Amino acid sequence: MPKHAVITVVGRDRVGIVAGISSLLAENEVNIIDISQTVLRGMFAMIMIVDLSRAKVSVGELREALKKKGKELGVDVALHSAELVETMERI
C-alpha cells in the first residue's frame, strides 16, 4: 500500500463537507498531513495529503468509501496515490 495519497473534493459549498470527509478518514485510521480548502463563487474545493500507513482498509476500499460519502454530501471525491501525482508533475 502506498504511504501517502492525495484526496480532492469539489462541489457546491454546504455545511458538513469537511466534517464528513475527515470523520470517514479518522474512522479508518487515515491521518491528514496537510489540508487546503477554499470556496469560489459558491463552489467548495479541498485538497488533502493523507498518510495511509495505518489505514484499516485497502486503497480501493477507501476510494469507494470516499466516493460513497461524496455522493451523500453532494460533492465529487477522488483519491490519488501521491506517487502518481508526483510522477505526473515530472512529465
PDB file of N, CA and C in Angstrom:
ATOM      1  N   MET A   1       0.845  -1.179   0.000  1.00  0.00           N
ATOM      2  CA  MET A   1       0.000   0.000   0.000  1.00  0.00           C
ATOM      3  C   MET A   1       0.890   1.243   0.000  1.00  0.00           C
ATOM      4  N   PRO A   2       0.555   2.235  -0.854  1.00  0.00           N
ATOM      5  CA  PRO A   2       1.337   3.475  -0.826  1.00  0.00           C
ATOM      6  C   PRO A   2       1.198   4.157   0.532  1.00  0.00           C
ATOM      7  N   LYS A   3       2.224   4.882   0.938  1.00  0.00           N
ATOM      8  CA  LYS A   3       2.196   5.533   2.250  1.00  0.00           C
ATOM      9  C   LYS A   3       1.347   6.800   2.239  1.00  0.00           C
ATOM     10  N   HIS A   4       1.389   7.564   1.159  1.00  0.00           N
ATOM     11  CA  HIS A   4       0.663   8.821   1.089  1.00  0.00           C
ATOM     12  C   HIS A   4      -0.296   8.829  -0.092  1.00  0.00           C
ATOM     13  N   ALA A   5      -1.324   9.660   0.038  1.00  0.00           N
ATOM     14  CA  ALA A   5      -2.281   9.823  -1.051  1.00  0.00           C
ATOM     15  C   ALA A   5      -2.757  11.271  -1.070  1.00  0.00           C
ATOM     16  N   VAL A   6      -3.328  11.653  -2.198  1.00  0.00           N
ATOM     17  CA  VAL A   6      -3.918  12.973  -2.374  1.00  0.00           C
ATOM     18  C   VAL A   6      -5.422  12.773  -2.544  1.00  0.00           C
ATOM     19  N   ILE A   7      -6.196  13.501  -1.759  1.00  0.00           N
ATOM     20  CA  ILE A   7      -7.660  13.440  -1.853  1.00  0.00           C
ATOM     21  C   ILE A   7      -8.150  14.806  -2.303  1.00  0.00           C
ATOM     22  N   THR A   8      -8.990  14.827  -3.339  1.00  0.00           N
ATOM     23  CA  THR A   8      -9.597  16.073  -3.791  1.00  0.00           C
ATOM     24  C   THR A   8     -11.103  15.993  -3.601  1.00  0.00           C
ATOM     25  N   VAL A   9     -11.681  17.121  -3.235  1.00  0.00           N
ATOM     26  CA  VAL A   9     -13.125  17.219  -3.009  1.00  0.00           C
ATOM     27  C   VAL A   9     -13.604  18.498  -3.695  1.00  0.00           C
ATOM     28  N   VAL A  10     -14.603  18.379  -4.569  1.00  0.00           N
ATOM     29  CA  VAL A  10     -15.117  19.534  -5.300  1.00  0.00           C
ATOM     30  C   VAL A  10     -16.635  19.430  -5.390  1.00  0.00           C
ATOM     31  N   GLY A  11     -17.312  20.563  -5.173  1.00  0.00           N
ATOM     32  CA  GLY A  11     -18.764  20.592  -5.325  1.00  0.00           C
ATOM     33  C   GLY A  11     -19.347  21.861  -4.740  1.00  0.00           C
ATOM     34  N   ARG A  12     -20.661  21.970  -4.811  1.00  0.00           N
ATOM     35  CA  ARG A  12     -21.355  23.120  -4.217  1.00  0.00           C
ATOM     36  C   ARG A  12     -21.070  23.175  -2.731  1.00  0.00           C
ATOM     37  N   ASP A  13     -20.787  24.374  -2.230  1.00  0.00           N
ATOM     38  CA  ASP A  13     -20.500  24.536  -0.807  1.00  0.00           C
ATOM     39  C   ASP A  13     -21.744  24.251   0.023  1.00  0.00           C
ATOM     40  N   ARG A  14     -21.547  23.557   1.124  1.00  0.00           N
ATOM     41  CA  ARG A  14     -22.619  23.277   2.076  1.00  0.00           C
ATOM     42  C   ARG A  14     -22.001  22.897   3.409  1.00  0.00           C
ATOM     43  N   VAL A  15     -22.789  22.960   4.436  1.00  0.00           N
ATOM     44  CA  VAL A  15     -22.332  22.593   5.780  1.00  0.00           C
ATOM     45  C   VAL A  15     -22.038  21.096   5.840  1.00  0.00           C
ATOM     46  N   GLY A  16     -20.944  20.721   6.487  1.00  0.00           N
ATOM     47  CA  GLY A  16     -20.663  19.324   6.777  1.00  0.00           C
ATOM     48  C   GLY A  16     -19.700  18.607   5.859  1.00  0.00           C
ATOM     49  N   ILE A  17     -19.207  19.266   4.830  1.00  0.00           N
ATOM     50  CA  ILE A  17     -18.304  18.571   3.899  1.00  0.00           C
ATOM     51  C   ILE A  17     -17.010  18.161   4.600  1.00  0.00           C
ATOM     52  N   VAL A  18     -16.343  19.115   5.233  1.00  0.00           N
ATOM     53  CA  VAL A  18     -15.068  18.814   5.892  1.00  0.00           C
ATOM     54  C   VAL A  18     -15.284  17.778   6.992  1.00  0.00           C
ATOM     55  N   ALA A  19     -16.335  17.957   7.784  1.00  0.00           N
ATOM     56  CA  ALA A  19     -16.628  17.016   8.874  1.00  0.00           C
ATOM     57  C   ALA A  19     -16.889  15.613   8.337  1.00  0.00           C
ATOM     58  N   GLY A  20     -17.643  15.501   7.267  1.00  0.00           N
ATOM     59  CA  GLY A  20     -17.973  14.193   6.702  1.00  0.00           C
ATOM     60  C   GLY A  20     -16.758  13.451   6.187  1.00  0.00           C
ATOM     61  N   ILE A  21     -15.920  14.149   5.445  1.00  0.00           N
ATOM     62  CA  ILE A  21     -14.727  13.516   4.875  1.00  0.00           C
ATOM     63  C   ILE A  21     -13.711  13.199   5.973  1.00  0.00           C
ATOM     64  N   SER A  22     -13.453  14.154   6.853  1.00  0.00           N
ATOM     65  CA  SER A  22     -12.441  13.919   7.890  1.00  0.00           C
ATOM     66  C   SER A  22     -12.881  12.845   8.878  1.00  0.00           C
ATOM     67  N   SER A  23     -14.172  12.742   9.169  1.00  0.00           N
ATOM     68  CA  SER A  23     -14.671  11.681  10.055  1.00  0.00           C
ATOM     69  C   SER A  23     -14.452  10.305   9.436  1.00  0.00           C
ATOM     70  N   LEU A  24     -14.738  10.188   8.151  1.00  0.00           N
ATOM     71  CA  LEU A  24     -14.532   8.910   7.467  1.00  0.00           C
ATOM     72  C   LEU A  24     -13.057   8.519   7.506  1.00  0.00           C
ATOM     73  N   LEU A  25     -12.182   9.486   7.282  1.00  0.00           N
ATOM     74  CA  LEU A  25     -10.746   9.202   7.333  1.00  0.00           C
ATOM     75  C   LEU A  25     -10.332   8.762   8.732  1.00  0.00           C
ATOM     76  N   ALA A  26     -10.798   9.458   9.756  1.00  0.00           N
ATOM     77  CA  ALA A  26     -10.451   9.113  11.136  1.00  0.00           C
ATOM     78  C   ALA A  26     -10.936   7.717  11.503  1.00  0.00           C
ATOM     79  N   GLU A  27     -12.137   7.362  11.079  1.00  0.00           N
ATOM     80  CA  GLU A  27     -12.688   6.031  11.359  1.00  0.00           C
ATOM     81  C   GLU A  27     -11.814   4.932  10.780  1.00  0.00           C
ATOM     82  N   ASN A  28     -11.102   5.251   9.709  1.00  0.00           N
ATOM     83  CA  ASN A  28     -10.268   4.268   9.026  1.00  0.00           C
ATOM     84  C   ASN A  28      -8.780   4.444   9.307  1.00  0.00           C
ATOM     85  N   GLU A  29      -8.455   5.219  10.367  1.00  0.00           N
ATOM     86  CA  GLU A  29      -7.064   5.430  10.793  1.00  0.00           C
ATOM     87  C   GLU A  29      -6.201   6.058   9.705  1.00  0.00           C
ATOM     88  N   VAL A  30      -6.798   6.938   8.905  1.00  0.00           N
ATOM     89  CA  VAL A  30      -6.062   7.678   7.887  1.00  0.00           C
ATOM     90  C   VAL A  30      -5.805   9.071   8.441  1.00  0.00           C
ATOM     91  N   ASN A  31      -4.525   9.444   8.536  1.00  0.00           N
ATOM     92  CA  ASN A  31      -4.146  10.722   9.132  1.00  0.00           C
ATOM     93  C   ASN A  31      -4.034  11.810   8.065  1.00  0.00           C
ATOM     94  N   ILE A  32      -4.618  12.976   8.339  1.00  0.00           N
ATOM     95  CA  ILE A  32      -4.498  14.128   7.448  1.00  0.00           C
ATOM     96  C   ILE A  32      -3.185  14.831   7.768  1.00  0.00           C
ATOM     97  N   ILE A  33      -2.300  14.893   6.773  1.00  0.00           N
ATOM     98  CA  ILE A  33      -0.999  15.532   6.941  1.00  0.00           C
ATOM     99  C   ILE A  33      -1.096  17.024   6.617  1.00  0.00           C
ATOM    100  N   ASP A  34      -1.797  17.336   5.539  1.00  0.00           N
ATOM    101  CA  ASP A  34      -1.941  18.728   5.115  1.00  0.00           C
ATOM    102  C   ASP A  34      -3.298  18.880   4.450  1.00  0.00           C
ATOM    103  N   ILE A  35      -3.878  20.067   4.575  1.00  0.00           N
ATOM    104  CA  ILE A  35      -5.201  20.304   4.010  1.00  0.00           C
ATOM    105  C   ILE A  35      -5.307  21.758   3.575  1.00  0.00           C
ATOM    106  N   SER A  36      -5.947  21.965   2.437  1.00  0.00           N
ATOM    107  CA  SER A  36      -6.220  23.307   1.944  1.00  0.00           C
ATOM    108  C   SER A  36      -7.639  23.297   1.389  1.00  0.00           C
ATOM    109  N   GLN A  37      -8.376  24.344   1.685  1.00  0.00           N
ATOM    110  CA  GLN A  37      -9.732  24.426   1.159  1.00  0.00           C
ATOM    111  C   GLN A  37     -10.072  25.867   0.836  1.00  0.00           C
ATOM    112  N   THR A  38     -10.998  26.028  -0.082  1.00  0.00           N
ATOM    113  CA  THR A  38     -11.463  27.355  -0.448  1.00  0.00           C
ATOM    114  C   THR A  38     -12.874  27.254  -0.992  1.00  0.00           C
ATOM    115  N   VAL A  39     -13.555  28.375  -1.006  1.00  0.00           N
ATOM    116  CA  VAL A  39     -14.864  28.476  -1.625  1.00  0.00           C
ATOM    117  C   VAL A  39     -14.778  29.594  -2.655  1.00  0.00           C
ATOM    118  N   LEU A  40     -15.042  29.260  -3.915  1.00  0.00           N
ATOM    119  CA  LEU A  40     -15.001  30.223  -5.009  1.00  0.00           C
ATOM    120  C   LEU A  40     -16.382  30.296  -5.652  1.00  0.00           C
ATOM    121  N   ARG A  41     -17.042  31.441  -5.506  1.00  0.00           N
ATOM    122  CA  ARG A  41     -18.368  31.646  -6.101  1.00  0.00           C
ATOM    123  C   ARG A  41     -19.332  30.513  -5.780  1.00  0.00           C
ATOM    124  N   GLY A  42     -19.311  30.082  -4.532  1.00  0.00           N
ATOM    125  CA  GLY A  42     -20.222  29.048  -4.079  1.00  0.00           C
ATOM    126  C   GLY A  42     -19.760  27.624  -4.319  1.00  0.00           C
ATOM    127  N   MET A  43     -18.590  27.465  -4.955  1.00  0.00           N
ATOM    128  CA  MET A  43     -18.044  26.130  -5.194  1.00  0.00           C
ATOM    129  C   MET A  43     -16.961  25.844  -4.164  1.00  0.00           C
ATOM    130  N   PHE A  44     -17.085  24.691  -3.508  1.00  0.00           N
ATOM    131  CA  PHE A  44     -16.134  24.251  -2.489  1.00  0.00           C
ATOM    132  C   PHE A  44     -15.051  23.426  -3.165  1.00  0.00           C
ATOM    133  N   ALA A  45     -13.798  23.671  -2.799  1.00  0.00           N
ATOM    134  CA  ALA A  45     -12.676  22.877  -3.309  1.00  0.00           C
ATOM    135  C   ALA A  45     -11.722  22.603  -2.157  1.00  0.00           C
ATOM    136  N   MET A  46     -11.334  21.340  -2.018  1.00  0.00           N
ATOM    137  CA  MET A  46     -10.419  20.955  -0.953  1.00  0.00           C
ATOM    138  C   MET A  46      -9.432  19.934  -1.500  1.00  0.00           C
ATOM    139  N   ILE A  47      -8.201  20.040  -1.022  1.00  0.00           N
ATOM    140  CA  ILE A  47      -7.184  19.041  -1.341  1.00  0.00           C
ATOM    141  C   ILE A  47      -6.506  18.655  -0.037  1.00  0.00           C
ATOM    142  N   MET A  48      -6.297  17.361   0.137  1.00  0.00           N
ATOM    143  CA  MET A  48      -5.666  16.844   1.346  1.00  0.00           C
ATOM    144  C   MET A  48      -4.516  15.921   0.961  1.00  0.00           C
ATOM    145  N   ILE A  49      -3.471  15.965   1.752  1.00  0.00           N
ATOM    146  CA  ILE A  49      -2.416  14.960   1.675  1.00  0.00           C
ATOM    147  C   ILE A  49      -2.626  14.100   2.915  1.00  0.00           C
ATOM    148  N   VAL A  50      -2.741  12.796   2.722  1.00  0.00           N
ATOM    149  CA  VAL A  50      -3.022  11.905   3.843  1.00  0.00           C
ATOM    150  C   VAL A  50      -1.982  10.798   3.950  1.00  0.00           C
ATOM    151  N   ASP A  51      -1.836  10.291   5.160  1.00  0.00           N
ATOM    152  CA  ASP A  51      -0.918   9.184   5.461  1.00  0.00           C
ATOM    153  C   ASP A  51      -1.754   7.910   5.585  1.00  0.00           C
ATOM    154  N   LEU A  52      -1.460   6.936   4.741  1.00  0.00           N
ATOM    155  CA  LEU A  52      -2.203   5.676   4.704  1.00  0.00           C
ATOM    156  C   LEU A  52      -1.507   4.550   5.467  1.00  0.00           C
ATOM    157  N   SER A  53      -0.377   4.818   6.089  1.00  0.00           N
ATOM    158  CA  SER A  53       0.435   3.743   6.661  1.00  0.00           C
ATOM    159  C   SER A  53      -0.287   2.944   7.746  1.00  0.00           C
ATOM    160  N   ARG A  54      -1.277   3.518   8.425  1.00  0.00           N
ATOM    161  CA  ARG A  54      -2.010   2.793   9.472  1.00  0.00           C
ATOM    162  C   ARG A  54      -3.465   2.511   9.073  1.00  0.00           C
ATOM    163  N   ALA A  55      -3.794   2.716   7.814  1.00  0.00           N
ATOM    164  CA  ALA A  55      -5.179   2.566   7.354  1.00  0.00           C
ATOM    165  C   ALA A  55      -5.714   1.160   7.626  1.00  0.00           C
ATOM    166  N   LYS A  56      -6.979   1.102   8.049  1.00  0.00           N
ATOM    167  CA  LYS A  56      -7.648  -0.176   8.335  1.00  0.00           C
ATOM    168  C   LYS A  56      -8.209  -0.831   7.080  1.00  0.00           C
ATOM    169  N   VAL A  57      -8.201  -0.117   5.962  1.00  0.00           N
ATOM    170  CA  VAL A  57      -8.773  -0.624   4.715  1.00  0.00           C
ATOM    171  C   VAL A  57      -7.763  -0.456   3.588  1.00  0.00           C
ATOM    172  N   SER A  58      -8.007  -1.158   2.496  1.00  0.00           N
ATOM    173  CA  SER A  58      -7.137  -1.026   1.323  1.00  0.00           C
ATOM    174  C   SER A  58      -7.407   0.320   0.635  1.00  0.00           C
ATOM    175  N   VAL A  59      -6.515   0.697  -0.273  1.00  0.00           N
ATOM    176  CA  VAL A  59      -6.700   1.934  -1.031  1.00  0.00           C
ATOM    177  C   VAL A  59      -8.005   1.872  -1.827  1.00  0.00           C
ATOM    178  N   GLY A  60      -8.284   0.734  -2.441  1.00  0.00           N
ATOM    179  CA  GLY A  60      -9.516   0.580  -3.220  1.00  0.00           C
ATOM    180  C   GLY A  60     -10.763   0.727  -2.355  1.00  0.00           C
ATOM    181  N   GLU A  61     -10.740   0.119  -1.180  1.00  0.00           N
ATOM    182  CA  GLU A  61     -11.891   0.230  -0.264  1.00  0.00           C
ATOM    183  C   GLU A  61     -12.059   1.667   0.218  1.00  0.00           C
ATOM    184  N   LEU A  62     -10.957   2.337   0.503  1.00  0.00           N
ATOM    185  CA  LEU A  62     -11.038   3.732   0.939  1.00  0.00           C
ATOM    186  C   LEU A  62     -11.565   4.613  -0.184  1.00  0.00           C
ATOM    187  N   ARG A  63     -11.085   4.385  -1.399  1.00  0.00           N
ATOM    188  CA  ARG A  63     -11.553   5.151  -2.564  1.00  0.00           C
ATOM    189  C   ARG A  63     -13.067   5.007  -2.718  1.00  0.00           C
ATOM    190  N   GLU A  64     -13.570   3.794  -2.604  1.00  0.00           N
ATOM    191  CA  GLU A  64     -15.020   3.563  -2.732  1.00  0.00           C
ATOM    192  C   GLU A  64     -15.799   4.208  -1.584  1.00  0.00           C
ATOM    193  N   ALA A  65     -15.275   4.117  -0.367  1.00  0.00           N
ATOM    194  CA  ALA A  65     -15.946   4.733   0.785  1.00  0.00           C
ATOM    195  C   ALA A  65     -15.995   6.253   0.625  1.00  0.00           C
ATOM    196  N   LEU A  66     -14.924   6.840   0.115  1.00  0.00           N
ATOM    197  CA  LEU A  66     -14.905   8.289  -0.111  1.00  0.00           C
ATOM    198  C   LEU A  66     -15.889   8.696  -1.201  1.00  0.00           C
ATOM    199  N   LYS A  67     -15.971   7.906  -2.265  1.00  0.00           N
ATOM    200  CA  LYS A  67     -16.944   8.204  -3.334  1.00  0.00           C
ATOM    201  C   LYS A  67     -18.369   8.149  -2.792  1.00  0.00           C
ATOM    202  N   LYS A  68     -18.648   7.132  -1.978  1.00  0.00           N
ATOM    203  CA  LYS A  68     -19.977   6.989  -1.383  1.00  0.00           C
ATOM    204  C   LYS A  68     -20.288   8.175  -0.469  1.00  0.00           C
ATOM    205  N   LYS A  69     -19.329   8.560   0.362  1.00  0.00           N
ATOM    206  CA  LYS A  69     -19.512   9.701   1.249  1.00  0.00           C
ATOM    207  C   LYS A  69     -19.712  10.973   0.428  1.00  0.00           C
ATOM    208  N   GLY A  70     -18.970  11.099  -0.646  1.00  0.00           N
ATOM    209  CA  GLY A  70     -19.122  12.250  -1.534  1.00  0.00           C
ATOM    210  C   GLY A  70     -20.526  12.350  -2.094  1.00  0.00           C
ATOM    211  N   LYS A  71     -21.093  11.222  -2.517  1.00  0.00           N
ATOM    212  CA  LYS A  71     -22.475  11.228  -3.021  1.00  0.00           C
ATOM    213  C   LYS A  71     -23.442  11.697  -1.946  1.00  0.00           C
ATOM    214  N   GLU A  72     -23.241  11.220  -0.715  1.00  0.00           N
ATOM    215  CA  GLU A  72     -24.095  11.641   0.400  1.00  0.00           C
ATOM    216  C   GLU A  72     -24.003  13.151   0.628  1.00  0.00           C
ATOM    217  N   LEU A  73     -22.800  13.695   0.444  1.00  0.00           N
ATOM    218  CA  LEU A  73     -22.564  15.115   0.689  1.00  0.00           C
ATOM    219  C   LEU A  73     -22.793  15.988  -0.540  1.00  0.00           C
ATOM    220  N   GLY A  74     -23.018  15.387  -1.695  1.00  0.00           N
ATOM    221  CA  GLY A  74     -23.241  16.143  -2.921  1.00  0.00           C
ATOM    222  C   GLY A  74     -21.976  16.730  -3.520  1.00  0.00           C
ATOM    223  N   VAL A  75     -20.839  16.051  -3.309  1.00  0.00           N
ATOM    224  CA  VAL A  75     -19.562  16.511  -3.859  1.00  0.00           C
ATOM    225  C   VAL A  75     -18.859  15.353  -4.563  1.00  0.00           C
ATOM    226  N   ASP A  76     -17.885  15.698  -5.392  1.00  0.00           N
ATOM    227  CA  ASP A  76     -17.074  14.696  -6.073  1.00  0.00           C
ATOM    228  C   ASP A  76     -15.788  14.510  -5.275  1.00  0.00           C
ATOM    229  N   VAL A  77     -15.482  13.284  -4.887  1.00  0.00           N
ATOM    230  CA  VAL A  77     -14.285  12.994  -4.106  1.00  0.00           C
ATOM    231  C   VAL A  77     -13.431  11.998  -4.885  1.00  0.00           C
ATOM    232  N   ALA A  78     -12.135  12.286  -4.969  1.00  0.00           N
ATOM    233  CA  ALA A  78     -11.207  11.382  -5.654  1.00  0.00           C
ATOM    234  C   ALA A  78      -9.975  11.164  -4.789  1.00  0.00           C
ATOM    235  N   LEU A  79      -9.457   9.945  -4.819  1.00  0.00           N
ATOM    236  CA  LEU A  79      -8.232   9.598  -4.106  1.00  0.00           C
ATOM    237  C   LEU A  79      -7.184   9.189  -5.137  1.00  0.00           C
ATOM    238  N   HIS A  80      -6.026   9.806  -5.063  1.00  0.00           N
ATOM    239  CA  HIS A  80      -4.921   9.515  -5.980  1.00  0.00           C
ATOM    240  C   HIS A  80      -3.696   9.172  -5.153  1.00  0.00           C
ATOM    241  N   SER A  81      -2.909   8.212  -5.609  1.00  0.00           N
ATOM    242  CA  SER A  81      -1.667   7.925  -4.884  1.00  0.00           C
ATOM    243  C   SER A  81      -0.730   9.110  -5.057  1.00  0.00           C
ATOM    244  N   ALA A  82      -0.016   9.460  -4.009  1.00  0.00           N
ATOM    245  CA  ALA A  82       0.915  10.589  -4.068  1.00  0.00           C
ATOM    246  C   ALA A  82       1.996  10.337  -5.119  1.00  0.00           C
ATOM    247  N   GLU A  83       2.394   9.076  -5.273  1.00  0.00           N
ATOM    248  CA  GLU A  83       3.422   8.738  -6.258  1.00  0.00           C
ATOM    249  C   GLU A  83       2.945   9.060  -7.668  1.00  0.00           C
ATOM    250  N   LEU A  84       1.675   8.803  -7.962  1.00  0.00           N
ATOM    251  CA  LEU A  84       1.121   9.099  -9.289  1.00  0.00           C
ATOM    252  C   LEU A  84       1.135  10.607  -9.532  1.00  0.00           C
ATOM    253  N   VAL A  85       0.725  11.369  -8.543  1.00  0.00           N
ATOM    254  CA  VAL A  85       0.703  12.829  -8.688  1.00  0.00           C
ATOM    255  C   VAL A  85       2.117  13.363  -8.893  1.00  0.00           C
ATOM    256  N   GLU A  86       3.084  12.861  -8.130  1.00  0.00           N
ATOM    257  CA  GLU A  86       4.468  13.300  -8.275  1.00  0.00           C
ATOM    258  C   GLU A  86       5.014  12.947  -9.651  1.00  0.00           C
ATOM    259  N   THR A  87       4.665  11.788 -10.165  1.00  0.00           N
ATOM    260  CA  THR A  87       5.110  11.365 -11.490  1.00  0.00           C
ATOM    261  C   THR A  87       4.513  12.275 -12.560  1.00  0.00           C
ATOM    262  N   MET A  88       3.234  12.607 -12.422  1.00  0.00           N
ATOM    263  CA  MET A  88       2.571  13.483 -13.399  1.00  0.00           C
ATOM    264  C   MET A  88       3.216  14.865 -13.410  1.00  0.00           C
ATOM    265  N   GLU A  89       3.661  15.348 -12.254  1.00  0.00           N
ATOM    266  CA  GLU A  89       4.308  16.656 -12.180  1.00  0.00           C
ATOM    267  C   GLU A  89       5.625  16.673 -12.946  1.00  0.00           C
ATOM    268  N   ARG A  90       6.305  15.530 -12.960  1.00  0.00           N
ATOM    269  CA  ARG A  90       7.604  15.446 -13.637  1.00  0.00           C
ATOM    270  C   ARG A  90       7.466  15.387 -15.139  1.00  0.00           C
ATOM    271  N   ILE A  91       6.305  14.991 -15.645  1.00  0.00           N
ATOM    272  CA  ILE A  91       6.119  14.826 -17.096  1.00  0.00           C
ATOM    273  C   ILE A  91       5.980  16.174 -17.770  1.00  0.00           C
TER     274      ILE A  91
END
